[in-house]
Amino acid sequence: MSIDIILKLMIKFILPIVVFIAAVYGISYFWNNSNSKGKKMIALSLIIAFIIGISLTIYLIFD
């Protein structure tokens, strides 16, 4: 296998998995170490990020 193919495979499949695991771990860490006001802020931020992500996905699909 060529190095180019391996790099494309890593960028398309392995990197998103690693980023997702790091994000879940980070959110879990901050969630466990925050007070109720911090938990509300984390929840609100995640909801906003989810809405933006869904909107962007729908926009890119139909564009």
Protein backbone atom coordinates (compact mmCIF):
# COMPACT_ATOMS: atom_id res chain seq x y z
CA MET A 1 0.00 0.00 0.00
CA SER A 2 1.16 3.46 -0.81
CA ILE A 3 1.79 6.03 1.91
CA ASP A 4 -0.78 8.30 0.22
CA ILE A 5 -3.51 5.67 0.58
CA ILE A 6 -2.62 5.07 4.22
CA LEU A 7 -2.74 8.80 5.01
CA LYS A 8 -6.14 9.19 3.32
CA LEU A 9 -7.44 6.19 5.27
CA MET A 10 -6.20 7.68 8.53
CA ILE A 11 -7.69 11.11 7.85
CA LYS A 12 -11.08 9.72 6.78
CA PHE A 13 -11.60 7.03 9.41
CA ILE A 14 -9.13 7.00 12.28
CA LEU A 15 -8.86 10.74 12.99
CA PRO A 16 -12.63 11.31 13.42
CA ILE A 17 -12.84 8.35 15.80
CA VAL A 18 -9.96 9.69 17.89
CA VAL A 19 -11.47 13.20 17.95
CA PHE A 20 -14.87 11.78 18.99
CA ILE A 21 -13.36 9.75 21.83
CA ALA A 22 -11.36 12.77 23.03
CA ALA A 23 -14.47 14.97 22.91
CA VAL A 24 -16.55 12.47 24.90
CA TYR A 25 -13.77 12.10 27.47
CA GLY A 26 -13.36 15.87 27.75
CA ILE A 27 -17.09 16.51 28.16
CA SER A 28 -17.31 13.74 30.77
CA TYR A 29 -14.33 15.14 32.67
CA PHE A 30 -15.69 18.70 32.74
CA TRP A 31 -19.20 17.46 33.56
CA ASN A 32 -17.98 15.54 36.62
CA ASN A 33 -15.86 18.46 37.86
CA SER A 34 -18.41 21.25 37.50
CA ASN A 35 -21.16 22.65 39.69
CA SER A 36 -24.82 22.94 38.67
CA LYS A 37 -24.28 26.28 36.90
CA GLY A 38 -21.40 24.79 34.94
CA LYS A 39 -23.49 21.74 34.01
CA LYS A 40 -26.25 24.00 32.68
CA MET A 41 -23.69 25.89 30.61
CA ILE A 42 -22.21 22.65 29.22
CA ALA A 43 -25.69 21.34 28.36
CA LEU A 44 -26.65 24.60 26.65
CA SER A 45 -23.41 24.64 24.68
CA LEU A 46 -23.91 21.04 23.54
CA ILE A 47 -27.49 21.76 22.45
CA ILE A 48 -26.36 24.80 20.45
CA ALA A 49 -23.50 22.83 18.87
CA PHE A 50 -25.93 20.02 17.97
CA ILE A 51 -28.37 22.44 16.33
CA ILE A 52 -25.57 24.12 14.37
CA GLY A 53 -24.22 20.73 13.29
CA ILE A 54 -27.61 19.50 12.10
CA SER A 55 -28.32 22.79 10.29
CA LEU A 56 -24.93 22.72 8.58
CA THR A 57 -25.40 19.10 7.54
CA ILE A 58 -28.84 19.80 6.06
CA TYR A 59 -27.51 22.88 4.27
CA LEU A 60 -24.59 20.96 2.75
CA ILE A 61 -26.83 18.08 1.67
CA PHE A 62 -29.28 20.31 -0.18
CA ASP A 63 -26.73 22.76 -1.57
